[in-house]
C-alpha atoms as a PDB file:
ATOM      1  CA  MET A   1     -25.087  36.395  35.618  1.00  0.00           C
ATOM      2  CA  THR A   2     -21.562  36.017  34.335  1.00  0.00           C
ATOM      3  CA  GLY A   3     -18.734  33.887  35.618  1.00  0.00           C
ATOM      4  CA  SER A   4     -18.092  30.172  35.753  1.00  0.00           C
ATOM      5  CA  ARG A   5     -20.069  27.866  38.009  1.00  0.00           C
ATOM      6  CA  SER A   6     -17.406  27.226  40.626  1.00  0.00           C
ATOM      7  CA  GLY A   7     -19.750  25.169  42.769  1.00  0.00           C
ATOM      8  CA  ASP A   8     -20.643  22.573  40.106  1.00  0.00           C
ATOM      9  CA  ALA A   9     -20.833  19.045  41.496  1.00  0.00           C
ATOM     10  CA  GLY A  10     -17.527  17.274  41.275  1.00  0.00           C
ATOM     11  CA  SER A  11     -15.428  20.361  40.562  1.00  0.00           C
ATOM     12  CA  PRO A  12     -11.962  20.184  42.167  1.00  0.00           C
ATOM     13  CA  LYS A  13     -12.444  23.550  43.862  1.00  0.00           C
ATOM     14  CA  ARG A  14     -15.756  22.503  45.412  1.00  0.00           C
ATOM     15  CA  GLU A  15     -14.272  19.212  46.579  1.00  0.00           C
ATOM     16  CA  ARG A  16     -11.295  21.007  48.170  1.00  0.00           C
ATOM     17  CA  LEU A  17     -13.604  23.314  50.101  1.00  0.00           C
ATOM     18  CA  GLN A  18     -15.746  20.401  51.281  1.00  0.00           C
ATOM     19  CA  ASP A  19     -12.606  18.607  52.437  1.00  0.00           C
ATOM     20  CA  ILE A  20     -11.378  21.671  54.354  1.00  0.00           C
ATOM     21  CA  LEU A  21     -14.636  22.083  56.264  1.00  0.00           C
ATOM     22  CA  GLN A  22     -14.952  18.363  56.958  1.00  0.00           C
ATOM     23  CA  GLN A  23     -11.471  18.354  58.457  1.00  0.00           C
ATOM     24  CA  SER A  24     -12.180  21.465  60.534  1.00  0.00           C
ATOM     25  CA  PRO A  25     -15.836  22.412  61.080  1.00  0.00           C
ATOM     26  CA  ILE A  26     -14.591  25.330  63.159  1.00  0.00           C
ATOM     27  CA  VAL A  27     -12.851  28.092  61.221  1.00  0.00           C
ATOM     28  CA  ALA A  28     -10.756  30.170  63.611  1.00  0.00           C
ATOM     29  CA  VAL A  29     -11.047  33.838  62.634  1.00  0.00           C
ATOM     30  CA  ILE A  30      -7.734  35.472  63.511  1.00  0.00           C
ATOM     31  CA  THR A  31      -6.473  39.054  63.512  1.00  0.00           C
ATOM     32  CA  ILE A  32      -2.671  39.224  63.777  1.00  0.00           C
ATOM     33  CA  ASP A  33      -0.976  42.410  64.979  1.00  0.00           C
ATOM     34  CA  LYS A  34       2.563  41.009  65.202  1.00  0.00           C
ATOM     35  CA  VAL A  35       4.021  38.560  62.695  1.00  0.00           C
ATOM     36  CA  GLU A  36       5.953  36.760  65.418  1.00  0.00           C
ATOM     37  CA  ASP A  37       2.640  35.692  66.999  1.00  0.00           C
ATOM     38  CA  ALA A  38       1.430  33.939  63.854  1.00  0.00           C
ATOM     39  CA  VAL A  39       3.279  30.624  64.062  1.00  0.00           C
ATOM     40  CA  PRO A  40       2.838  29.880  67.792  1.00  0.00           C
ATOM     41  CA  LEU A  41      -0.833  30.865  67.541  1.00  0.00           C
ATOM     42  CA  ALA A  42      -1.384  28.571  64.576  1.00  0.00           C
ATOM     43  CA  ARG A  43       0.447  25.726  66.303  1.00  0.00           C
ATOM     44  CA  ALA A  44      -1.740  26.122  69.400  1.00  0.00           C
ATOM     45  CA  LEU A  45      -4.936  25.936  67.345  1.00  0.00           C
ATOM     46  CA  VAL A  46      -3.741  22.914  65.388  1.00  0.00           C
ATOM     47  CA  GLU A  47      -2.697  21.218  68.626  1.00  0.00           C
ATOM     48  CA  GLY A  48      -6.254  21.744  69.865  1.00  0.00           C
ATOM     49  CA  GLY A  49      -7.690  20.196  66.712  1.00  0.00           C
ATOM     50  CA  VAL A  50      -8.688  23.353  64.825  1.00  0.00           C
ATOM     51  CA  ARG A  51      -6.877  23.339  61.482  1.00  0.00           C
ATOM     52  CA  ALA A  52      -8.813  25.865  59.385  1.00  0.00           C
ATOM     53  CA  LEU A  53      -7.506  29.358  60.083  1.00  0.00           C
ATOM     54  CA  GLU A  54      -8.948  32.514  58.530  1.00  0.00           C
ATOM     55  CA  LEU A  55      -6.448  35.362  58.780  1.00  0.00           C
ATOM     56  CA  THR A  56      -8.293  38.640  58.384  1.00  0.00           C
ATOM     57  CA  LEU A  57      -6.916  41.426  56.222  1.00  0.00           C
ATOM     58  CA  ARG A  58      -7.379  43.947  59.019  1.00  0.00           C
ATOM     59  CA  THR A  59      -3.744  44.653  59.845  1.00  0.00           C
ATOM     60  CA  PRO A  60      -0.695  45.543  57.739  1.00  0.00           C
ATOM     61  CA  VAL A  61       1.032  42.261  58.657  1.00  0.00           C
ATOM     62  CA  ALA A  62      -1.836  39.917  57.746  1.00  0.00           C
ATOM     63  CA  MET A  63      -0.353  38.546  54.541  1.00  0.00           C
ATOM     64  CA  ALA A  64       3.114  38.180  56.063  1.00  0.00           C
ATOM     65  CA  ALA A  65       1.522  36.264  58.938  1.00  0.00           C
ATOM     66  CA  ALA A  66      -0.306  33.987  56.495  1.00  0.00           C
ATOM     67  CA  ALA A  67       2.922  33.316  54.602  1.00  0.00           C
ATOM     68  CA  SER A  68       4.743  32.482  57.832  1.00  0.00           C
ATOM     69  CA  ILE A  69       2.078  29.973  58.886  1.00  0.00           C
ATOM     70  CA  LEU A  70       2.051  28.408  55.433  1.00  0.00           C
ATOM     71  CA  GLN A  71       5.817  27.929  55.667  1.00  0.00           C
ATOM     72  CA  HIS A  72       6.143  26.733  59.254  1.00  0.00           C
ATOM     73  CA  VAL A  73       2.843  25.043  60.190  1.00  0.00           C
ATOM     74  CA  PRO A  74       2.070  22.580  57.368  1.00  0.00           C
ATOM     75  CA  GLN A  75      -0.816  21.025  59.318  1.00  0.00           C
ATOM     76  CA  ALA A  76      -2.720  24.336  59.220  1.00  0.00           C
ATOM     77  CA  ILE A  77      -5.269  25.027  56.489  1.00  0.00           C
ATOM     78  CA  VAL A  78      -4.646  28.719  55.895  1.00  0.00           C
ATOM     79  CA  GLY A  79      -7.390  30.981  54.615  1.00  0.00           C
ATOM     80  CA  VAL A  80      -7.505  34.712  54.030  1.00  0.00           C
ATOM     81  CA  GLY A  81     -10.552  36.625  55.220  1.00  0.00           C
ATOM     82  CA  THR A  82     -12.004  40.080  54.876  1.00  0.00           C
ATOM     83  CA  ILE A  83     -11.498  39.787  51.112  1.00  0.00           C
ATOM     84  CA  LEU A  84     -13.286  42.819  49.723  1.00  0.00           C
ATOM     85  CA  THR A  85     -12.013  43.214  46.167  1.00  0.00           C
ATOM     86  CA  PRO A  86     -10.612  41.172  43.277  1.00  0.00           C
ATOM     87  CA  ALA A  87      -7.204  42.626  44.205  1.00  0.00           C
ATOM     88  CA  ASP A  88      -7.495  41.146  47.704  1.00  0.00           C
ATOM     89  CA  LEU A  89      -8.427  37.815  46.147  1.00  0.00           C
ATOM     90  CA  ALA A  90      -5.419  37.912  43.840  1.00  0.00           C
ATOM     91  CA  MET A  91      -3.160  38.711  46.803  1.00  0.00           C
ATOM     92  CA  ALA A  92      -4.495  35.710  48.722  1.00  0.00           C
ATOM     93  CA  ARG A  93      -3.947  33.411  45.733  1.00  0.00           C
ATOM     94  CA  LYS A  94      -0.407  34.713  45.222  1.00  0.00           C
ATOM     95  CA  ALA A  95       0.400  34.049  48.876  1.00  0.00           C
ATOM     96  CA  GLY A  96      -0.647  30.414  48.488  1.00  0.00           C
ATOM     97  CA  ALA A  97      -3.742  30.550  50.690  1.00  0.00           C
ATOM     98  CA  HIS A  98      -5.851  27.388  50.778  1.00  0.00           C
ATOM     99  CA  PHE A  99      -9.171  29.275  50.754  1.00  0.00           C
ATOM    100  CA  GLY A 100     -10.668  32.757  50.866  1.00  0.00           C
ATOM    101  CA  VAL A 101     -13.602  34.336  52.703  1.00  0.00           C
ATOM    102  CA  SER A 102     -15.490  37.595  52.244  1.00  0.00           C
ATOM    103  CA  PRO A 103     -17.847  39.416  54.651  1.00  0.00           C
ATOM    104  CA  GLY A 104     -20.130  40.388  51.767  1.00  0.00           C
ATOM    105  CA  ILE A 105     -20.401  40.333  48.002  1.00  0.00           C
ATOM    106  CA  THR A 106     -20.070  42.537  44.960  1.00  0.00           C
ATOM    107  CA  ALA A 107     -20.602  41.466  41.369  1.00  0.00           C
ATOM    108  CA  ALA A 108     -16.919  42.084  40.606  1.00  0.00           C
ATOM    109  CA  LEU A 109     -15.735  39.996  43.559  1.00  0.00           C
ATOM    110  CA  LEU A 110     -18.098  37.112  42.777  1.00  0.00           C
ATOM    111  CA  ASP A 111     -17.022  37.051  39.146  1.00  0.00           C
ATOM    112  CA  ALA A 112     -13.334  37.075  40.086  1.00  0.00           C
ATOM    113  CA  ALA A 113     -13.821  34.345  42.690  1.00  0.00           C
ATOM    114  CA  ALA A 114     -15.847  32.186  40.296  1.00  0.00           C
ATOM    115  CA  ALA A 115     -13.084  32.420  37.690  1.00  0.00           C
ATOM    116  CA  ALA A 116     -10.249  31.776  40.166  1.00  0.00           C
ATOM    117  CA  ASP A 117      -9.041  28.361  41.323  1.00  0.00           C
ATOM    118  CA  LEU A 118      -9.106  29.349  45.009  1.00  0.00           C
ATOM    119  CA  PRO A 119     -11.909  27.798  47.109  1.00  0.00           C
ATOM    120  CA  PHE A 120     -13.986  30.753  48.232  1.00  0.00           C
ATOM    121  CA  ILE A 121     -16.789  31.376  50.752  1.00  0.00           C
ATOM    122  CA  PRO A 122     -18.785  34.532  49.932  1.00  0.00           C
ATOM    123  CA  GLY A 123     -20.525  36.350  52.757  1.00  0.00           C
ATOM    124  CA  ILE A 124     -24.248  37.039  52.462  1.00  0.00           C
ATOM    125  CA  GLN A 125     -27.019  38.580  54.556  1.00  0.00           C
ATOM    126  CA  SER A 126     -30.139  38.213  52.412  1.00  0.00           C
ATOM    127  CA  ALA A 127     -31.941  35.813  50.093  1.00  0.00           C
ATOM    128  CA  SER A 128     -31.157  38.110  47.160  1.00  0.00           C
ATOM    129  CA  GLU A 129     -27.428  37.963  47.902  1.00  0.00           C
ATOM    130  CA  LEU A 130     -27.691  34.205  48.351  1.00  0.00           C
ATOM    131  CA  MET A 131     -29.252  33.934  44.887  1.00  0.00           C
ATOM    132  CA  GLU A 132     -26.497  36.088  43.370  1.00  0.00           C
ATOM    133  CA  ALA A 133     -23.819  33.842  44.827  1.00  0.00           C
ATOM    134  CA  ALA A 134     -25.642  30.629  43.938  1.00  0.00           C
ATOM    135  CA  ALA A 135     -26.099  31.812  40.347  1.00  0.00           C
ATOM    136  CA  ARG A 136     -22.310  31.793  40.025  1.00  0.00           C
ATOM    137  CA  GLY A 137     -22.070  28.293  41.459  1.00  0.00           C
ATOM    138  CA  PHE A 138     -21.233  28.980  45.095  1.00  0.00           C
ATOM    139  CA  ASP A 139     -23.030  26.548  47.376  1.00  0.00           C
ATOM    140  CA  VAL A 140     -21.144  27.153  50.639  1.00  0.00           C
ATOM    141  CA  LEU A 141     -21.782  30.653  51.958  1.00  0.00           C
ATOM    142  CA  LYS A 142     -20.855  32.651  55.025  1.00  0.00           C
ATOM    143  CA  LEU A 143     -23.806  34.101  56.942  1.00  0.00           C
ATOM    144  CA  PHE A 144     -22.553  37.392  58.410  1.00  0.00           C
ATOM    145  CA  PRO A 145     -23.232  38.815  60.935  1.00  0.00           C
ATOM    146  CA  ALA A 146     -24.782  35.581  62.136  1.00  0.00           C
ATOM    147  CA  ALA A 147     -25.849  36.664  65.618  1.00  0.00           C
ATOM    148  CA  SER A 148     -27.778  39.655  64.285  1.00  0.00           C
ATOM    149  CA  LEU A 149     -29.525  37.621  61.582  1.00  0.00           C
ATOM    150  CA  GLY A 150     -30.219  34.664  63.858  1.00  0.00           C
ATOM    151  CA  ARG A 151     -30.560  30.946  63.370  1.00  0.00           C
ATOM    152  CA  SER A 152     -34.095  31.497  62.116  1.00  0.00           C
ATOM    153  CA  ALA A 153     -32.625  32.985  58.922  1.00  0.00           C
ATOM    154  CA  LEU A 154     -30.848  29.731  58.107  1.00  0.00           C
ATOM    155  CA  GLN A 155     -33.920  27.718  58.981  1.00  0.00           C
ATOM    156  CA  SER A 156     -35.889  29.869  56.528  1.00  0.00           C
ATOM    157  CA  TYR A 157     -33.300  29.399  53.759  1.00  0.00           C
ATOM    158  CA  ALA A 158     -33.394  25.607  54.073  1.00  0.00           C
ATOM    159  CA  GLY A 159     -36.687  25.300  52.171  1.00  0.00           C
ATOM    160  CA  PRO A 160     -36.082  27.380  49.023  1.00  0.00           C
ATOM    161  CA  PHE A 161     -32.314  26.720  48.922  1.00  0.00           C
ATOM    162  CA  PRO A 162     -31.844  23.062  49.923  1.00  0.00           C
ATOM    163  CA  GLN A 163     -28.516  22.777  48.062  1.00  0.00           C
ATOM    164  CA  VAL A 164     -26.792  25.615  49.966  1.00  0.00           C
ATOM    165  CA  ARG A 165     -24.698  25.106  53.094  1.00  0.00           C
ATOM    166  CA  PHE A 166     -23.526  27.801  55.477  1.00  0.00           C
ATOM    167  CA  CYS A 167     -20.641  28.866  57.685  1.00  0.00           C
ATOM    168  CA  PRO A 168     -22.222  31.368  60.126  1.00  0.00           C
ATOM    169  CA  THR A 169     -19.748  33.910  61.510  1.00  0.00           C
ATOM    170  CA  GLY A 170     -20.118  36.982  63.694  1.00  0.00           C
ATOM    171  CA  GLY A 171     -21.330  36.538  67.252  1.00  0.00           C
ATOM    172  CA  VAL A 172     -20.641  32.808  67.222  1.00  0.00           C
ATOM    173  CA  GLY A 173     -18.903  31.807  70.441  1.00  0.00           C
ATOM    174  CA  GLU A 174     -18.084  29.019  72.852  1.00  0.00           C
ATOM    175  CA  ASP A 175     -21.552  29.153  74.397  1.00  0.00           C
ATOM    176  CA  ASN A 176     -23.550  28.851  71.163  1.00  0.00           C
ATOM    177  CA  PHE A 177     -21.450  27.361  68.350  1.00  0.00           C
ATOM    178  CA  MET A 178     -22.954  23.915  68.847  1.00  0.00           C
ATOM    179  CA  ASP A 179     -26.453  25.372  68.403  1.00  0.00           C
ATOM    180  CA  TRP A 180     -25.390  26.642  64.982  1.00  0.00           C
ATOM    181  CA  LEU A 181     -23.732  23.368  64.024  1.00  0.00           C
ATOM    182  CA  ALA A 182     -26.920  21.525  64.939  1.00  0.00           C
ATOM    183  CA  LEU A 183     -28.718  23.131  61.992  1.00  0.00           C
ATOM    184  CA  PRO A 184     -28.791  20.700  59.041  1.00  0.00           C
ATOM    185  CA  ASN A 185     -27.666  23.331  56.506  1.00  0.00           C
ATOM    186  CA  VAL A 186     -24.658  24.447  58.574  1.00  0.00           C
ATOM    187  CA  VAL A 187     -21.402  22.767  57.551  1.00  0.00           C
ATOM    188  CA  ALA A 188     -19.044  24.835  59.737  1.00  0.00           C
ATOM    189  CA  VAL A 189     -18.886  27.882  61.983  1.00  0.00           C
ATOM    190  CA  GLY A 190     -16.411  30.724  62.082  1.00  0.00           C
ATOM    191  CA  GLY A 191     -15.412  32.700  65.125  1.00  0.00           C
ATOM    192  CA  SER A 192     -12.738  34.643  66.949  1.00  0.00           C
ATOM    193  CA  TRP A 193     -13.587  33.302  70.415  1.00  0.00           C
ATOM    194  CA  LEU A 194     -10.743  30.779  70.216  1.00  0.00           C
ATOM    195  CA  THR A 195      -8.104  33.511  70.066  1.00  0.00           C
ATOM    196  CA  PRO A 196      -9.023  36.370  72.454  1.00  0.00           C
ATOM    197  CA  LYS A 197      -6.721  39.362  72.181  1.00  0.00           C
ATOM    198  CA  THR A 198      -5.729  39.105  75.839  1.00  0.00           C
ATOM    199  CA  ASP A 199      -4.325  35.602  75.312  1.00  0.00           C
ATOM    200  CA  VAL A 200      -2.559  36.530  72.098  1.00  0.00           C
ATOM    201  CA  ARG A 201      -0.935  39.610  73.634  1.00  0.00           C
ATOM    202  CA  ALA A 202       0.185  37.561  76.630  1.00  0.00           C
ATOM    203  CA  GLY A 203       1.478  34.734  74.438  1.00  0.00           C
ATOM    204  CA  ASP A 204      -0.776  32.344  76.345  1.00  0.00           C
ATOM    205  CA  TRP A 205      -0.764  29.671  73.676  1.00  0.00           C
ATOM    206  CA  ARG A 206      -1.719  26.961  76.178  1.00  0.00           C
ATOM    207  CA  SER A 207      -5.049  28.649  76.904  1.00  0.00           C
ATOM    208  CA  ILE A 208      -5.744  28.914  73.171  1.00  0.00           C
ATOM    209  CA  ALA A 209      -4.887  25.251  72.600  1.00  0.00           C
ATOM    210  CA  ASP A 210      -7.103  24.213  75.519  1.00  0.00           C
ATOM    211  CA  ARG A 211     -10.008  26.321  74.243  1.00  0.00           C
ATOM    212  CA  ALA A 212      -9.680  24.783  70.783  1.00  0.00           C
ATOM    213  CA  ARG A 213      -9.524  21.304  72.295  1.00  0.00           C
ATOM    214  CA  ARG A 214     -12.703  21.858  74.317  1.00  0.00           C
ATOM    215  CA  ALA A 215     -14.510  22.913  71.163  1.00  0.00           C
ATOM    216  CA  THR A 216     -13.330  19.994  69.058  1.00  0.00           C
ATOM    217  CA  GLU A 217     -14.176  17.537  71.831  1.00  0.00           C
ATOM    218  CA  LYS A 218     -17.736  18.871  71.894  1.00  0.00           C
ATOM    219  CA  ILE A 219     -18.004  18.290  68.150  1.00  0.00           C
ATOM    220  CA  ALA A 220     -16.618  14.766  68.453  1.00  0.00           C
ATOM    221  CA  LYS A 221     -19.302  13.897  71.015  1.00  0.00           C
ATOM    222  CA  ARG A 222     -22.304  15.206  69.063  1.00  0.00           C
END
């Protein structure tokens, strides 16, 4: 495999990613349709104790929304998700994102991410994909779609891949996120349950802040 070992112990990029997930073991997965929603939404999540925000590249305004949060909500740790290509990765880096996330992997994307200075969480589904990512030094991976693959998949990976930690995403919600976090090889979870579209469209930032606060309080009590 080509590419630098971005996950080597002690590397600044690895340490930055560890710090991000320690500060916010919930990564809020956000799809923004209107740029003007970005800042109040981010402020509500931060108020509730969720600082790591993954803005998905699913709408035309995603990067503008990320830039607005970076400018106006300094407490937020802004990531860019749904990174599919090296070009997407370069766009996230140019915008000043703090981290990047992909739903899956390609050799080209892994090589670009390994060479870049942006903390990156590749998405995997199988042991073979896990090995591809680990060969390039990535030791924090996104399991996606988590609900379909199940917690048993992560329990199975713990034996042959003891050095790898996971951020399961996809089907993780308020009723089960603590079950995922209870697994010893899970360092964080990602989910969109904190920001339902109905609340965002209504501008109900209080409900979003309260939902984030309930989640962070559960983590504090574990």
